[in-house]
N, C-alpha and C. Protein backbone atom coordinates (compact mmCIF):
# COMPACT_ATOMS: atom_id res chain seq x y z
N MET A 1 -103.24 13.96 -79.50
CA MET A 1 -104.24 14.12 -78.48
C MET A 1 -105.46 14.84 -79.07
N PRO A 2 -106.66 14.37 -78.77
CA PRO A 2 -107.84 15.02 -79.34
C PRO A 2 -108.07 16.39 -78.71
N LYS A 3 -108.76 17.23 -79.47
CA LYS A 3 -109.05 18.58 -78.98
C LYS A 3 -110.10 18.51 -77.87
N LYS A 4 -110.08 19.54 -77.02
CA LYS A 4 -111.06 19.60 -75.95
C LYS A 4 -112.42 20.02 -76.51
N THR A 5 -113.45 19.46 -75.92
CA THR A 5 -114.79 19.87 -76.33
C THR A 5 -115.17 21.14 -75.59
N ARG A 6 -116.25 21.74 -76.02
CA ARG A 6 -116.71 22.98 -75.41
C ARG A 6 -117.02 22.75 -73.92
N GLU A 7 -117.62 21.58 -73.64
CA GLU A 7 -117.98 21.26 -72.26
C GLU A 7 -116.73 21.11 -71.39
N GLN A 8 -115.69 20.46 -71.92
CA GLN A 8 -114.46 20.30 -71.15
C GLN A 8 -113.78 21.64 -70.91
N LYS A 9 -113.86 22.55 -71.86
CA LYS A 9 -113.26 23.87 -71.69
C LYS A 9 -113.98 24.64 -70.58
N MET A 10 -115.32 24.54 -70.54
CA MET A 10 -116.08 25.24 -69.51
C MET A 10 -115.76 24.68 -68.12
N HIS A 11 -115.63 23.36 -68.01
CA HIS A 11 -115.28 22.75 -66.73
C HIS A 11 -113.89 23.18 -66.27
N ALA A 12 -112.95 23.28 -67.21
CA ALA A 12 -111.59 23.71 -66.86
C ALA A 12 -111.59 25.15 -66.39
N ALA A 13 -112.37 26.00 -67.05
CA ALA A 13 -112.44 27.41 -66.66
C ALA A 13 -113.06 27.54 -65.27
N LEU A 14 -114.09 26.77 -64.99
CA LEU A 14 -114.71 26.81 -63.67
C LEU A 14 -113.74 26.36 -62.59
N ARG A 15 -112.96 25.33 -62.88
CA ARG A 15 -111.97 24.85 -61.91
C ARG A 15 -110.92 25.92 -61.61
N ARG A 16 -110.45 26.58 -62.68
CA ARG A 16 -109.43 27.61 -62.48
C ARG A 16 -109.96 28.76 -61.64
N THR A 17 -111.18 29.20 -61.92
CA THR A 17 -111.73 30.33 -61.16
C THR A 17 -112.04 29.92 -59.72
N SER A 18 -112.46 28.67 -59.52
CA SER A 18 -112.79 28.26 -58.15
C SER A 18 -111.51 28.16 -57.30
N PHE A 19 -110.40 27.74 -57.89
CA PHE A 19 -109.14 27.67 -57.14
C PHE A 19 -108.60 29.06 -56.84
N GLN A 20 -108.83 30.01 -57.72
CA GLN A 20 -108.33 31.36 -57.50
C GLN A 20 -109.13 32.07 -56.42
N ASN A 21 -110.40 31.73 -56.28
CA ASN A 21 -111.26 32.40 -55.31
C ASN A 21 -111.14 31.83 -53.91
N LEU A 22 -110.46 30.71 -53.75
CA LEU A 22 -110.33 30.12 -52.42
C LEU A 22 -109.42 30.98 -51.55
N PRO A 23 -109.82 31.19 -50.29
CA PRO A 23 -108.92 31.95 -49.40
C PRO A 23 -107.71 31.10 -49.05
N SER A 24 -106.59 31.75 -49.00
CA SER A 24 -105.37 31.00 -48.66
C SER A 24 -105.36 30.75 -47.15
N GLN A 25 -105.12 29.52 -46.79
CA GLN A 25 -105.10 29.14 -45.39
C GLN A 25 -103.66 28.93 -44.95
N PRO A 26 -103.32 29.40 -43.77
CA PRO A 26 -101.94 29.17 -43.30
C PRO A 26 -101.73 27.69 -42.99
N LEU A 27 -100.51 27.24 -43.17
CA LEU A 27 -100.18 25.86 -42.88
C LEU A 27 -100.24 25.61 -41.38
N PRO A 28 -100.74 24.46 -40.97
CA PRO A 28 -100.80 24.18 -39.53
C PRO A 28 -99.38 24.04 -38.97
N GLU A 29 -99.25 24.42 -37.71
CA GLU A 29 -97.94 24.34 -37.07
C GLU A 29 -97.59 22.87 -36.81
N ARG A 30 -96.34 22.59 -36.95
CA ARG A 30 -95.89 21.22 -36.70
C ARG A 30 -95.74 21.00 -35.20
N VAL A 31 -96.17 19.85 -34.77
CA VAL A 31 -96.06 19.50 -33.36
C VAL A 31 -94.82 18.63 -33.21
N SER A 32 -93.97 19.00 -32.28
CA SER A 32 -92.75 18.22 -32.11
C SER A 32 -93.10 16.89 -31.44
N LYS A 33 -92.31 15.91 -31.71
CA LYS A 33 -92.56 14.58 -31.15
C LYS A 33 -92.28 14.54 -29.65
N GLN A 34 -91.44 15.42 -29.18
CA GLN A 34 -91.11 15.43 -27.76
C GLN A 34 -92.25 15.99 -26.93
N ALA A 35 -93.07 16.83 -27.52
CA ALA A 35 -94.16 17.44 -26.78
C ALA A 35 -95.28 16.45 -26.48
N LEU A 36 -95.43 15.43 -27.32
CA LEU A 36 -96.48 14.44 -27.11
C LEU A 36 -96.06 13.44 -26.05
N PRO A 37 -96.95 13.12 -25.12
CA PRO A 37 -96.61 12.10 -24.13
C PRO A 37 -96.62 10.72 -24.79
N GLU A 38 -95.67 9.93 -24.40
CA GLU A 38 -95.57 8.59 -24.98
C GLU A 38 -96.53 7.66 -24.26
N GLU A 39 -97.32 6.96 -25.05
CA GLU A 39 -98.22 5.97 -24.48
C GLU A 39 -97.60 4.61 -24.69
N LYS A 40 -97.34 3.95 -23.59
CA LYS A 40 -96.72 2.63 -23.67
C LYS A 40 -97.79 1.58 -23.53
N GLU A 41 -97.77 0.64 -24.44
CA GLU A 41 -98.73 -0.45 -24.38
C GLU A 41 -98.18 -1.51 -23.43
N VAL A 42 -99.01 -1.92 -22.52
CA VAL A 42 -98.59 -2.88 -21.52
C VAL A 42 -98.74 -4.28 -22.11
N THR A 43 -97.63 -4.95 -22.27
CA THR A 43 -97.65 -6.32 -22.77
C THR A 43 -96.91 -7.20 -21.78
N SER A 44 -97.40 -8.38 -21.65
CA SER A 44 -96.78 -9.31 -20.73
C SER A 44 -95.89 -10.27 -21.50
N ILE A 45 -94.73 -10.57 -20.94
CA ILE A 45 -93.85 -11.52 -21.61
C ILE A 45 -94.22 -12.95 -21.25
N TYR A 46 -95.05 -13.09 -20.22
CA TYR A 46 -95.48 -14.41 -19.81
C TYR A 46 -96.76 -14.79 -20.54
N PRO A 47 -96.85 -16.02 -21.02
CA PRO A 47 -98.06 -16.40 -21.76
C PRO A 47 -99.27 -16.48 -20.83
N THR A 48 -100.38 -16.04 -21.34
CA THR A 48 -101.62 -16.13 -20.57
C THR A 48 -102.19 -17.53 -20.72
N SER A 49 -103.27 -17.78 -20.03
CA SER A 49 -103.86 -19.12 -20.09
C SER A 49 -104.36 -19.42 -21.50
N GLU A 50 -104.89 -18.42 -22.20
CA GLU A 50 -105.36 -18.64 -23.57
C GLU A 50 -104.18 -18.92 -24.51
N ASP A 51 -103.09 -18.15 -24.35
CA ASP A 51 -101.91 -18.39 -25.17
C ASP A 51 -101.33 -19.77 -24.90
N ASP A 52 -101.31 -20.15 -23.64
CA ASP A 52 -100.78 -21.45 -23.26
C ASP A 52 -101.62 -22.58 -23.86
N ARG A 53 -102.92 -22.38 -23.88
CA ARG A 53 -103.81 -23.39 -24.45
C ARG A 53 -103.59 -23.52 -25.96
N ILE A 54 -103.40 -22.40 -26.63
CA ILE A 54 -103.15 -22.41 -28.08
C ILE A 54 -101.82 -23.10 -28.37
N ILE A 55 -100.80 -22.79 -27.58
CA ILE A 55 -99.48 -23.39 -27.78
C ILE A 55 -99.55 -24.90 -27.57
N ARG A 56 -100.27 -25.33 -26.51
CA ARG A 56 -100.41 -26.77 -26.25
C ARG A 56 -101.15 -27.47 -27.38
N PHE A 57 -102.20 -26.84 -27.88
CA PHE A 57 -102.94 -27.42 -29.00
C PHE A 57 -102.06 -27.54 -30.23
N PHE A 58 -101.27 -26.50 -30.51
CA PHE A 58 -100.38 -26.52 -31.67
C PHE A 58 -99.35 -27.64 -31.53
N GLN A 59 -98.78 -27.79 -30.34
CA GLN A 59 -97.76 -28.82 -30.13
C GLN A 59 -98.34 -30.22 -30.30
N THR A 60 -99.52 -30.46 -29.73
CA THR A 60 -100.11 -31.80 -29.88
C THR A 60 -100.50 -32.06 -31.33
N ASP A 61 -101.01 -31.05 -32.01
CA ASP A 61 -101.37 -31.21 -33.42
C ASP A 61 -100.13 -31.47 -34.27
N LEU A 62 -99.03 -30.78 -33.97
CA LEU A 62 -97.79 -30.98 -34.71
C LEU A 62 -97.24 -32.38 -34.48
N LYS A 63 -97.27 -32.85 -33.23
CA LYS A 63 -96.78 -34.21 -32.93
C LYS A 63 -97.61 -35.25 -33.66
N ARG A 64 -98.93 -35.09 -33.64
CA ARG A 64 -99.81 -36.03 -34.30
C ARG A 64 -99.56 -36.04 -35.82
N SER A 65 -99.39 -34.87 -36.40
CA SER A 65 -99.13 -34.77 -37.84
C SER A 65 -97.80 -35.43 -38.20
N LEU A 66 -96.76 -35.17 -37.40
CA LEU A 66 -95.46 -35.78 -37.68
C LEU A 66 -95.51 -37.29 -37.52
N PHE A 67 -96.28 -37.78 -36.56
CA PHE A 67 -96.43 -39.23 -36.39
C PHE A 67 -97.07 -39.85 -37.64
N PHE A 68 -98.16 -39.26 -38.11
CA PHE A 68 -98.83 -39.82 -39.29
C PHE A 68 -97.97 -39.71 -40.55
N ILE A 69 -97.22 -38.62 -40.68
CA ILE A 69 -96.33 -38.47 -41.83
C ILE A 69 -95.26 -39.55 -41.80
N ALA A 70 -94.65 -39.78 -40.63
CA ALA A 70 -93.63 -40.82 -40.51
C ALA A 70 -94.22 -42.20 -40.78
N LEU A 71 -95.44 -42.44 -40.30
CA LEU A 71 -96.11 -43.72 -40.55
C LEU A 71 -96.35 -43.95 -42.04
N ILE A 72 -96.82 -42.93 -42.72
CA ILE A 72 -97.10 -43.05 -44.16
C ILE A 72 -95.82 -43.26 -44.95
N ILE A 73 -94.77 -42.51 -44.62
CA ILE A 73 -93.50 -42.66 -45.32
C ILE A 73 -92.91 -44.04 -45.07
N GLY A 74 -93.00 -44.51 -43.83
CA GLY A 74 -92.51 -45.86 -43.51
C GLY A 74 -93.28 -46.92 -44.27
N LEU A 75 -94.58 -46.77 -44.38
CA LEU A 75 -95.40 -47.70 -45.13
C LEU A 75 -95.03 -47.70 -46.61
N GLU A 76 -94.81 -46.52 -47.15
CA GLU A 76 -94.41 -46.42 -48.56
C GLU A 76 -93.07 -47.11 -48.81
N ILE A 77 -92.12 -46.89 -47.91
CA ILE A 77 -90.79 -47.50 -48.09
C ILE A 77 -90.89 -49.02 -47.96
N SER A 78 -91.67 -49.50 -46.98
CA SER A 78 -91.80 -50.95 -46.83
C SER A 78 -92.51 -51.57 -48.03
N LEU A 79 -93.51 -50.93 -48.57
CA LEU A 79 -94.18 -51.44 -49.77
C LEU A 79 -93.25 -51.42 -50.98
N TYR A 80 -92.39 -50.41 -51.06
CA TYR A 80 -91.45 -50.33 -52.17
C TYR A 80 -90.48 -51.51 -52.13
N PHE A 81 -89.88 -51.74 -50.95
CA PHE A 81 -88.93 -52.85 -50.86
C PHE A 81 -89.62 -54.20 -50.98
N ALA A 82 -90.84 -54.30 -50.52
CA ALA A 82 -91.59 -55.55 -50.65
C ALA A 82 -91.88 -55.83 -52.12
N SER A 83 -92.17 -54.80 -52.88
CA SER A 83 -92.46 -55.01 -54.31
C SER A 83 -91.18 -55.32 -55.09
N ILE A 84 -90.03 -54.79 -54.65
CA ILE A 84 -88.77 -55.09 -55.32
C ILE A 84 -88.40 -56.56 -55.10
N ASN A 85 -88.58 -57.05 -53.89
CA ASN A 85 -88.20 -58.41 -53.55
C ASN A 85 -89.29 -59.43 -53.87
N HIS A 86 -90.37 -59.02 -54.51
CA HIS A 86 -91.48 -59.88 -54.94
C HIS A 86 -92.11 -60.64 -53.77
N TYR A 87 -92.33 -59.96 -52.65
CA TYR A 87 -92.98 -60.59 -51.50
C TYR A 87 -94.46 -60.84 -51.77
N PHE A 88 -95.05 -60.05 -52.65
CA PHE A 88 -96.49 -60.18 -52.88
C PHE A 88 -96.80 -61.19 -53.96
N GLY A 89 -95.82 -61.71 -54.64
CA GLY A 89 -96.05 -62.69 -55.69
C GLY A 89 -96.59 -62.08 -56.97
N LEU A 90 -96.51 -60.80 -57.08
CA LEU A 90 -96.99 -60.13 -58.30
C LEU A 90 -95.83 -60.00 -59.28
N GLY A 91 -96.11 -60.14 -60.53
CA GLY A 91 -95.10 -59.95 -61.56
C GLY A 91 -94.26 -61.14 -61.84
N ARG A 92 -94.61 -62.31 -61.37
CA ARG A 92 -93.81 -63.52 -61.65
C ARG A 92 -94.37 -64.25 -62.81
């Protein structure tokens, strides 16, 4: 480890003296958890109109996505079997 420079030694001495000159403060008293009143957040278990709208949008979007995925996969499978059986006349 390199030696300390004169400037670093002066900064360390200032830090030590400043910590020694600080008045000691008593620790704050702990507050028990029972003394604090409990604040309960009011939440509804029933969906609001905005939540219902978001859920409906999600469901319709999910159905549409699943429909297109099934359509694409079905198209891929039909093209695969069509190419195996030479329905397109390619490769003869």
